[in-house]
Amino acid sequence: MADGRVALIADSEKSRRSNRLTPARADASEAARALMHGIFVGEIQALEGAGRTCWDFTTGEEAPFELKLDMARQAWDEARHVEISLKLSDWMGSEIGQYAENTVLFQAACSNDPVLRLAGVNRALEGLAIDVFTTMKEFGELAGDPYLEFCEDWMLADEVTHVKMGSDWLRKITENDPERRKKALEFQGVVDKMFSYGGSRSDSEESAFAIARRFRELAGFTEDENDHIADLGMQALNERKAQLREKQAAASN
């Protein structure tokens, strides 16, 4: 059932040609609830991943104490995000377990190398969170929901610091080890491509999430890095569209 705060403009031309999560989408209420549930589950996994990084590595030999301290602070943030997302889910009318989820985020946090965790989680997945939270913040603003807008803006600020912290530590730890840095960035690329969601994140209006370039730049991503992520999304989007055309052609024969 549609939420009364959402204006349905399903027959508008813009709504038909865009998959961006806006109140103009006919399925806006349900899509927003499902996304919030996914954010909630993702925050649980992010909390577990940050906590494991504090525990899994020998202080000094494998991970500097200062890195562990930063990850402990991040775990604190993630715990707060879990609570906020849980309350937002209740506010939006959904329940825990209402939607099926996966554990891919946590799996990216299980590498035996802390640098790969920084690349896969803090840069790739927390970077994705910047895009998602920006979209949800804008959705709350357009839908006239000040609670959603404020909470997403609050969590977005944390995500920017998480990405910046991960980027700084990755560069610091691999300063004299270019091969290790190359391996970490390659792993980040794998995770970024995995979470392209069939083209759901790109600069195109056909994607559900836009690349939040301004906030990504504040988090330490370069313009070239943002362009690369946008290109990955467009590639995945075009691949999905080609697959749909093939299925439609096969069905018509």
C-alpha atoms as a PDB file:
ATOM      1  CA  MET A   1       0.000   0.000   0.000  1.00  0.00           C
ATOM      2  CA  ALA A   2       1.362   3.416  -0.899  1.00  0.00           C
ATOM      3  CA  ASP A   3       2.540   5.752   1.833  1.00  0.00           C
ATOM      4  CA  GLY A   4       0.399   8.874   2.104  1.00  0.00           C
ATOM      5  CA  ARG A   5       3.515  11.060   2.164  1.00  0.00           C
ATOM      6  CA  VAL A   6       4.445   9.979  -1.360  1.00  0.00           C
ATOM      7  CA  ALA A   7       2.940  11.716  -4.370  1.00  0.00           C
ATOM      8  CA  LEU A   8       2.313   9.205  -7.146  1.00  0.00           C
ATOM      9  CA  ILE A   9       3.060  10.626 -10.576  1.00  0.00           C
ATOM     10  CA  ALA A  10       3.490   7.302 -12.318  1.00  0.00           C
ATOM     11  CA  ASP A  11       2.147   8.487 -15.655  1.00  0.00           C
ATOM     12  CA  SER A  12       4.609  11.356 -16.022  1.00  0.00           C
ATOM     13  CA  GLU A  13       7.121  11.129 -18.847  1.00  0.00           C
ATOM     14  CA  LYS A  14      10.076  11.578 -16.480  1.00  0.00           C
ATOM     15  CA  SER A  15       8.842   8.788 -14.216  1.00  0.00           C
ATOM     16  CA  ARG A  16       8.586   6.388 -17.149  1.00  0.00           C
ATOM     17  CA  ARG A  17      12.114   6.991 -18.382  1.00  0.00           C
ATOM     18  CA  SER A  18      13.897   7.148 -14.998  1.00  0.00           C
ATOM     19  CA  ASN A  19      14.623   4.438 -12.443  1.00  0.00           C
ATOM     20  CA  ARG A  20      15.939   6.963  -9.893  1.00  0.00           C
ATOM     21  CA  LEU A  21      14.355   6.526  -6.477  1.00  0.00           C
ATOM     22  CA  THR A  22      12.039   9.533  -6.259  1.00  0.00           C
ATOM     23  CA  PRO A  23       8.466  10.064  -5.025  1.00  0.00           C
ATOM     24  CA  ALA A  24       7.433  10.143  -8.712  1.00  0.00           C
ATOM     25  CA  ARG A  25       7.903   6.381  -9.004  1.00  0.00           C
ATOM     26  CA  ALA A  26       4.732   4.328  -8.679  1.00  0.00           C
ATOM     27  CA  ASP A  27       6.540   1.881  -6.395  1.00  0.00           C
ATOM     28  CA  ALA A  28       8.305   4.604  -4.399  1.00  0.00           C
ATOM     29  CA  SER A  29       6.952   3.615  -0.977  1.00  0.00           C
ATOM     30  CA  GLU A  30       7.802  -0.067  -1.290  1.00  0.00           C
ATOM     31  CA  ALA A  31      11.167   0.614  -2.940  1.00  0.00           C
ATOM     32  CA  ALA A  32      12.147   3.006  -0.144  1.00  0.00           C
ATOM     33  CA  ARG A  33      11.130   0.506   2.536  1.00  0.00           C
ATOM     34  CA  ALA A  34      13.105  -2.281   0.868  1.00  0.00           C
ATOM     35  CA  LEU A  35      16.155  -0.041   0.520  1.00  0.00           C
ATOM     36  CA  MET A  36      15.977   1.020   4.164  1.00  0.00           C
ATOM     37  CA  HIS A  37      15.794  -2.634   5.228  1.00  0.00           C
ATOM     38  CA  GLY A  38      18.884  -3.319   3.115  1.00  0.00           C
ATOM     39  CA  ILE A  39      20.674  -0.370   4.723  1.00  0.00           C
ATOM     40  CA  PHE A  40      19.796  -1.711   8.177  1.00  0.00           C
ATOM     41  CA  VAL A  41      21.207  -5.169   7.387  1.00  0.00           C
ATOM     42  CA  GLY A  42      24.255  -3.609   5.738  1.00  0.00           C
ATOM     43  CA  GLU A  43      24.993  -1.559   8.846  1.00  0.00           C
ATOM     44  CA  ILE A  44      24.943  -4.720  10.972  1.00  0.00           C
ATOM     45  CA  GLN A  45      27.507  -6.287   8.652  1.00  0.00           C
ATOM     46  CA  ALA A  46      29.598  -3.099   8.617  1.00  0.00           C
ATOM     47  CA  LEU A  47      29.588  -3.098  12.427  1.00  0.00           C
ATOM     48  CA  GLU A  48      30.739  -6.713  12.497  1.00  0.00           C
ATOM     49  CA  GLY A  49      33.441  -6.015   9.908  1.00  0.00           C
ATOM     50  CA  ALA A  50      34.861  -3.007  11.768  1.00  0.00           C
ATOM     51  CA  GLY A  51      34.851  -4.924  15.031  1.00  0.00           C
ATOM     52  CA  ARG A  52      36.593  -7.924  13.462  1.00  0.00           C
ATOM     53  CA  THR A  53      39.346  -5.685  12.106  1.00  0.00           C
ATOM     54  CA  CYS A  54      40.009  -4.459  15.651  1.00  0.00           C
ATOM     55  CA  TRP A  55      40.282  -8.063  16.837  1.00  0.00           C
ATOM     56  CA  ASP A  56      41.712 -10.133  13.989  1.00  0.00           C
ATOM     57  CA  PHE A  57      45.146  -8.544  13.578  1.00  0.00           C
ATOM     58  CA  THR A  58      48.143  -8.324  15.889  1.00  0.00           C
ATOM     59  CA  THR A  59      48.650  -4.746  17.042  1.00  0.00           C
ATOM     60  CA  GLY A  60      51.789  -3.239  15.559  1.00  0.00           C
ATOM     61  CA  GLU A  61      52.903  -6.184  13.444  1.00  0.00           C
ATOM     62  CA  GLU A  62      49.785  -6.477  11.274  1.00  0.00           C
ATOM     63  CA  ALA A  63      47.814  -3.326  12.074  1.00  0.00           C
ATOM     64  CA  PRO A  64      48.936  -0.098  13.798  1.00  0.00           C
ATOM     65  CA  PHE A  65      47.212   0.698  17.080  1.00  0.00           C
ATOM     66  CA  GLU A  66      45.986   3.986  15.601  1.00  0.00           C
ATOM     67  CA  LEU A  67      44.246   2.087  12.772  1.00  0.00           C
ATOM     68  CA  LYS A  68      42.510  -0.151  15.295  1.00  0.00           C
ATOM     69  CA  LEU A  69      41.428   2.918  17.240  1.00  0.00           C
ATOM     70  CA  ASP A  70      39.912   4.416  14.093  1.00  0.00           C
ATOM     71  CA  MET A  71      38.122   1.139  13.346  1.00  0.00           C
ATOM     72  CA  ALA A  72      36.763   1.052  16.906  1.00  0.00           C
ATOM     73  CA  ARG A  73      35.379   4.537  16.373  1.00  0.00           C
ATOM     74  CA  GLN A  74      33.856   3.369  13.116  1.00  0.00           C
ATOM     75  CA  ALA A  75      32.238   0.417  14.911  1.00  0.00           C
ATOM     76  CA  TRP A  76      30.686   2.947  17.286  1.00  0.00           C
ATOM     77  CA  ASP A  77      29.308   4.848  14.279  1.00  0.00           C
ATOM     78  CA  GLU A  78      27.981   1.663  12.675  1.00  0.00           C
ATOM     79  CA  ALA A  79      26.189   0.684  15.890  1.00  0.00           C
ATOM     80  CA  ARG A  80      24.489   4.072  15.882  1.00  0.00           C
ATOM     81  CA  HIS A  81      23.557   3.588  12.218  1.00  0.00           C
ATOM     82  CA  VAL A  82      21.959   0.239  13.059  1.00  0.00           C
ATOM     83  CA  GLU A  83      19.777   1.925  15.688  1.00  0.00           C
ATOM     84  CA  ILE A  84      18.871   4.825  13.390  1.00  0.00           C
ATOM     85  CA  SER A  85      18.043   2.520  10.467  1.00  0.00           C
ATOM     86  CA  LEU A  86      15.938   0.295  12.709  1.00  0.00           C
ATOM     87  CA  LYS A  87      13.891   3.262  13.896  1.00  0.00           C
ATOM     88  CA  LEU A  88      13.559   4.595  10.354  1.00  0.00           C
ATOM     89  CA  SER A  89      12.323   1.195   9.150  1.00  0.00           C
ATOM     90  CA  ASP A  90       9.665   1.262  11.848  1.00  0.00           C
ATOM     91  CA  TRP A  91       8.791   4.855  10.923  1.00  0.00           C
ATOM     92  CA  MET A  92       8.395   3.841   7.266  1.00  0.00           C
ATOM     93  CA  GLY A  93       6.127   0.914   8.138  1.00  0.00           C
ATOM     94  CA  SER A  94       8.329  -2.151   7.622  1.00  0.00           C
ATOM     95  CA  GLU A  95       9.545  -4.922   9.922  1.00  0.00           C
ATOM     96  CA  ILE A  96      12.856  -6.733  10.425  1.00  0.00           C
ATOM     97  CA  GLY A  97      12.994  -9.767   8.149  1.00  0.00           C
ATOM     98  CA  GLN A  98      10.350  -8.463   5.772  1.00  0.00           C
ATOM     99  CA  TYR A  99      12.842  -8.527   2.882  1.00  0.00           C
ATOM    100  CA  ALA A 100      15.453 -11.114   1.890  1.00  0.00           C
ATOM    101  CA  GLU A 101      19.057  -9.944   2.255  1.00  0.00           C
ATOM    102  CA  ASN A 102      22.585 -11.302   1.731  1.00  0.00           C
ATOM    103  CA  THR A 103      25.945 -11.161   3.522  1.00  0.00           C
ATOM    104  CA  VAL A 104      28.142  -9.954   0.668  1.00  0.00           C
ATOM    105  CA  LEU A 105      29.192  -6.836   2.582  1.00  0.00           C
ATOM    106  CA  PHE A 106      30.530  -8.872   5.491  1.00  0.00           C
ATOM    107  CA  GLN A 107      32.301 -11.260   3.110  1.00  0.00           C
ATOM    108  CA  ALA A 108      34.229  -8.289   1.714  1.00  0.00           C
ATOM    109  CA  ALA A 109      35.406  -7.594   5.280  1.00  0.00           C
ATOM    110  CA  CYS A 110      36.893 -11.063   5.781  1.00  0.00           C
ATOM    111  CA  SER A 111      40.221 -10.671   3.960  1.00  0.00           C
ATOM    112  CA  ASN A 112      43.371 -11.770   5.781  1.00  0.00           C
ATOM    113  CA  ASP A 113      45.040  -8.478   4.816  1.00  0.00           C
ATOM    114  CA  PRO A 114      43.814  -5.343   6.651  1.00  0.00           C
ATOM    115  CA  VAL A 115      44.698  -3.247   3.593  1.00  0.00           C
ATOM    116  CA  LEU A 116      42.271  -5.258   1.466  1.00  0.00           C
ATOM    117  CA  ARG A 117      39.593  -4.658   4.080  1.00  0.00           C
ATOM    118  CA  LEU A 118      40.248  -0.929   3.869  1.00  0.00           C
ATOM    119  CA  ALA A 119      39.961  -1.064   0.080  1.00  0.00           C
ATOM    120  CA  GLY A 120      36.945  -3.357  -0.099  1.00  0.00           C
ATOM    121  CA  VAL A 121      34.923  -1.991   2.809  1.00  0.00           C
ATOM    122  CA  ASN A 122      35.977   1.588   3.578  1.00  0.00           C
ATOM    123  CA  ARG A 123      36.553   2.680  -0.001  1.00  0.00           C
ATOM    124  CA  ALA A 124      34.267   0.481  -2.126  1.00  0.00           C
ATOM    125  CA  LEU A 125      31.307  -0.305   0.136  1.00  0.00           C
ATOM    126  CA  GLU A 126      31.336   2.840   2.252  1.00  0.00           C
ATOM    127  CA  GLY A 127      31.683   4.716  -1.039  1.00  0.00           C
ATOM    128  CA  LEU A 128      28.537   2.952  -2.227  1.00  0.00           C
ATOM    129  CA  ALA A 129      26.871   3.998   1.036  1.00  0.00           C
ATOM    130  CA  ILE A 130      27.631   7.636   0.178  1.00  0.00           C
ATOM    131  CA  ASP A 131      25.691   7.216  -3.078  1.00  0.00           C
ATOM    132  CA  VAL A 132      22.794   5.382  -1.402  1.00  0.00           C
ATOM    133  CA  PHE A 133      22.477   7.745   1.576  1.00  0.00           C
ATOM    134  CA  THR A 134      22.590  10.773  -0.713  1.00  0.00           C
ATOM    135  CA  THR A 135      19.736   9.291  -2.740  1.00  0.00           C
ATOM    136  CA  MET A 136      17.714   8.512   0.395  1.00  0.00           C
ATOM    137  CA  LYS A 137      18.368  11.987   1.804  1.00  0.00           C
ATOM    138  CA  GLU A 138      17.100  13.575  -1.415  1.00  0.00           C
ATOM    139  CA  PHE A 139      14.128  11.198  -1.436  1.00  0.00           C
ATOM    140  CA  GLY A 140      13.200  12.290   2.093  1.00  0.00           C
ATOM    141  CA  GLU A 141      13.460  15.936   1.083  1.00  0.00           C
ATOM    142  CA  LEU A 142      11.277  15.484  -2.013  1.00  0.00           C
ATOM    143  CA  ALA A 143       8.737  13.359  -0.132  1.00  0.00           C
ATOM    144  CA  GLY A 144       8.411  15.941   2.624  1.00  0.00           C
ATOM    145  CA  ASP A 145       9.755  13.568   5.286  1.00  0.00           C
ATOM    146  CA  PRO A 146      12.049  15.614   7.580  1.00  0.00           C
ATOM    147  CA  TYR A 147      12.876  12.600   9.771  1.00  0.00           C
ATOM    148  CA  LEU A 148      14.216  10.535   6.876  1.00  0.00           C
ATOM    149  CA  GLU A 149      16.075  13.508   5.406  1.00  0.00           C
ATOM    150  CA  PHE A 150      17.737  14.440   8.718  1.00  0.00           C
ATOM    151  CA  CYS A 151      18.752  10.889   9.647  1.00  0.00           C
ATOM    152  CA  GLU A 152      20.199  10.120   6.218  1.00  0.00           C
ATOM    153  CA  ASP A 153      22.128  13.398   6.262  1.00  0.00           C
ATOM    154  CA  TRP A 154      23.530  12.480   9.695  1.00  0.00           C
ATOM    155  CA  MET A 155      24.659   9.026   8.568  1.00  0.00           C
ATOM    156  CA  LEU A 156      26.004  10.396   5.279  1.00  0.00           C
ATOM    157  CA  ALA A 157      28.401  12.635   7.211  1.00  0.00           C
ATOM    158  CA  ASP A 158      29.753   9.556   9.016  1.00  0.00           C
ATOM    159  CA  GLU A 159      30.204   7.636   5.762  1.00  0.00           C
ATOM    160  CA  VAL A 160      32.307  10.444   4.317  1.00  0.00           C
ATOM    161  CA  THR A 161      34.669  10.201   7.309  1.00  0.00           C
ATOM    162  CA  HIS A 162      34.811   6.396   7.020  1.00  0.00           C
ATOM    163  CA  VAL A 163      35.878   6.559   3.383  1.00  0.00           C
ATOM    164  CA  LYS A 164      38.399   9.323   4.079  1.00  0.00           C
ATOM    165  CA  MET A 165      39.876   7.366   6.976  1.00  0.00           C
ATOM    166  CA  GLY A 166      40.150   4.204   4.879  1.00  0.00           C
ATOM    167  CA  SER A 167      41.772   6.060   1.993  1.00  0.00           C
ATOM    168  CA  ASP A 168      44.297   7.754   4.280  1.00  0.00           C
ATOM    169  CA  TRP A 169      45.273   4.504   5.992  1.00  0.00           C
ATOM    170  CA  LEU A 170      45.534   2.577   2.731  1.00  0.00           C
ATOM    171  CA  ARG A 171      47.957   5.162   1.336  1.00  0.00           C
ATOM    172  CA  LYS A 172      49.937   5.329   4.582  1.00  0.00           C
ATOM    173  CA  ILE A 173      50.343   1.575   5.052  1.00  0.00           C
ATOM    174  CA  THR A 174      51.281   0.946   1.403  1.00  0.00           C
ATOM    175  CA  GLU A 175      53.453   4.039   1.013  1.00  0.00           C
ATOM    176  CA  ASN A 176      56.562   1.914   0.436  1.00  0.00           C
ATOM    177  CA  ASP A 177      54.802  -1.143  -0.999  1.00  0.00           C
ATOM    178  CA  PRO A 178      53.385  -0.299  -4.448  1.00  0.00           C
ATOM    179  CA  GLU A 179      52.576  -3.938  -5.209  1.00  0.00           C
ATOM    180  CA  ARG A 180      50.415  -4.244  -2.099  1.00  0.00           C
ATOM    181  CA  ARG A 181      48.646  -0.997  -2.971  1.00  0.00           C
ATOM    182  CA  LYS A 182      48.016  -2.210  -6.517  1.00  0.00           C
ATOM    183  CA  LYS A 183      46.543  -5.455  -5.188  1.00  0.00           C
ATOM    184  CA  ALA A 184      44.290  -3.533  -2.783  1.00  0.00           C
ATOM    185  CA  LEU A 185      42.980  -1.206  -5.495  1.00  0.00           C
ATOM    186  CA  GLU A 186      42.331  -4.179  -7.779  1.00  0.00           C
ATOM    187  CA  PHE A 187      40.288  -5.767  -4.990  1.00  0.00           C
ATOM    188  CA  GLN A 188      38.386  -2.510  -4.585  1.00  0.00           C
ATOM    189  CA  GLY A 189      37.603  -2.602  -8.303  1.00  0.00           C
ATOM    190  CA  VAL A 190      36.208  -6.128  -7.980  1.00  0.00           C
ATOM    191  CA  VAL A 191      33.938  -5.067  -5.111  1.00  0.00           C
ATOM    192  CA  ASP A 192      32.853  -1.908  -6.943  1.00  0.00           C
ATOM    193  CA  LYS A 193      31.876  -3.949  -9.995  1.00  0.00           C
ATOM    194  CA  MET A 194      30.093  -6.521  -7.839  1.00  0.00           C
ATOM    195  CA  PHE A 195      27.964  -3.763  -6.334  1.00  0.00           C
ATOM    196  CA  SER A 196      27.112  -2.108  -9.629  1.00  0.00           C
ATOM    197  CA  TYR A 197      23.774  -3.909  -9.203  1.00  0.00           C
ATOM    198  CA  GLY A 198      23.173  -4.409 -12.897  1.00  0.00           C
ATOM    199  CA  GLY A 199      23.676  -0.725 -13.537  1.00  0.00           C
ATOM    200  CA  SER A 200      21.665   0.600 -10.610  1.00  0.00           C
ATOM    201  CA  ARG A 201      24.441   3.125  -9.834  1.00  0.00           C
ATOM    202  CA  SER A 202      25.735   5.509 -12.500  1.00  0.00           C
ATOM    203  CA  ASP A 203      25.359   9.055 -13.811  1.00  0.00           C
ATOM    204  CA  SER A 204      22.397   7.946 -15.927  1.00  0.00           C
ATOM    205  CA  GLU A 205      18.795   8.715 -14.929  1.00  0.00           C
ATOM    206  CA  GLU A 206      18.127   5.074 -15.797  1.00  0.00           C
ATOM    207  CA  SER A 207      20.037   4.047 -12.653  1.00  0.00           C
ATOM    208  CA  ALA A 208      18.418   3.989  -9.222  1.00  0.00           C
ATOM    209  CA  PHE A 209      21.365   5.762  -7.575  1.00  0.00           C
ATOM    210  CA  ALA A 210      23.460   8.651  -8.843  1.00  0.00           C
ATOM    211  CA  ILE A 211      27.197   8.950  -8.229  1.00  0.00           C
ATOM    212  CA  ALA A 212      27.380  11.442  -5.335  1.00  0.00           C
ATOM    213  CA  ARG A 213      30.462  13.148  -6.736  1.00  0.00           C
ATOM    214  CA  ARG A 214      30.587  16.094  -4.328  1.00  0.00           C
ATOM    215  CA  PHE A 215      30.506  13.943  -1.202  1.00  0.00           C
ATOM    216  CA  ARG A 216      32.879  11.411  -2.762  1.00  0.00           C
ATOM    217  CA  GLU A 217      35.385  14.194  -3.389  1.00  0.00           C
ATOM    218  CA  LEU A 218      35.085  15.262   0.257  1.00  0.00           C
ATOM    219  CA  ALA A 219      35.844  11.642   1.164  1.00  0.00           C
ATOM    220  CA  GLY A 220      39.059  11.669  -0.868  1.00  0.00           C
ATOM    221  CA  PHE A 221      38.028  10.119  -4.182  1.00  0.00           C
ATOM    222  CA  THR A 222      39.627  11.722  -7.229  1.00  0.00           C
ATOM    223  CA  GLU A 223      37.680  12.762 -10.315  1.00  0.00           C
ATOM    224  CA  ASP A 224      39.256   9.881 -12.241  1.00  0.00           C
ATOM    225  CA  GLU A 225      38.141   7.401  -9.567  1.00  0.00           C
ATOM    226  CA  ASN A 226      34.587   8.736  -9.673  1.00  0.00           C
ATOM    227  CA  ASP A 227      34.592   8.563 -13.472  1.00  0.00           C
ATOM    228  CA  HIS A 228      35.793   4.954 -13.299  1.00  0.00           C
ATOM    229  CA  ILE A 229      32.979   3.960 -10.921  1.00  0.00           C
ATOM    230  CA  ALA A 230      30.445   5.747 -13.124  1.00  0.00           C
ATOM    231  CA  ASP A 231      31.811   3.906 -16.170  1.00  0.00           C
ATOM    232  CA  LEU A 232      31.484   0.564 -14.356  1.00  0.00           C
ATOM    233  CA  GLY A 233      27.867   1.383 -13.642  1.00  0.00           C
ATOM    234  CA  MET A 234      27.120   2.366 -17.232  1.00  0.00           C
ATOM    235  CA  GLN A 235      28.795  -0.796 -18.501  1.00  0.00           C
ATOM    236  CA  ALA A 236      26.667  -2.920 -16.162  1.00  0.00           C
ATOM    237  CA  LEU A 237      23.541  -0.967 -17.165  1.00  0.00           C
ATOM    238  CA  ASN A 238      24.177  -1.483 -20.874  1.00  0.00           C
ATOM    239  CA  GLU A 239      24.850  -5.191 -20.301  1.00  0.00           C
ATOM    240  CA  ARG A 240      21.543  -5.553 -18.436  1.00  0.00           C
ATOM    241  CA  LYS A 241      19.643  -3.708 -21.174  1.00  0.00           C
ATOM    242  CA  ALA A 242      21.215  -5.960 -23.816  1.00  0.00           C
ATOM    243  CA  GLN A 243      20.180  -9.046 -21.851  1.00  0.00           C
ATOM    244  CA  LEU A 244      16.614  -7.745 -21.602  1.00  0.00           C
ATOM    245  CA  ARG A 245      16.494  -7.115 -25.346  1.00  0.00           C
ATOM    246  CA  GLU A 246      17.704 -10.665 -26.004  1.00  0.00           C
ATOM    247  CA  LYS A 247      15.017 -12.105 -23.721  1.00  0.00           C
ATOM    248  CA  GLN A 248      12.321  -9.997 -25.367  1.00  0.00           C
ATOM    249  CA  ALA A 249      13.483 -11.067 -28.826  1.00  0.00           C
ATOM    250  CA  ALA A 250      13.506 -14.722 -27.791  1.00  0.00           C
ATOM    251  CA  ALA A 251      10.010 -14.429 -26.314  1.00  0.00           C
ATOM    252  CA  SER A 252       8.619 -12.898 -29.504  1.00  0.00           C
ATOM    253  CA  ASN A 253       9.947 -15.718 -31.709  1.00  0.00           C
END
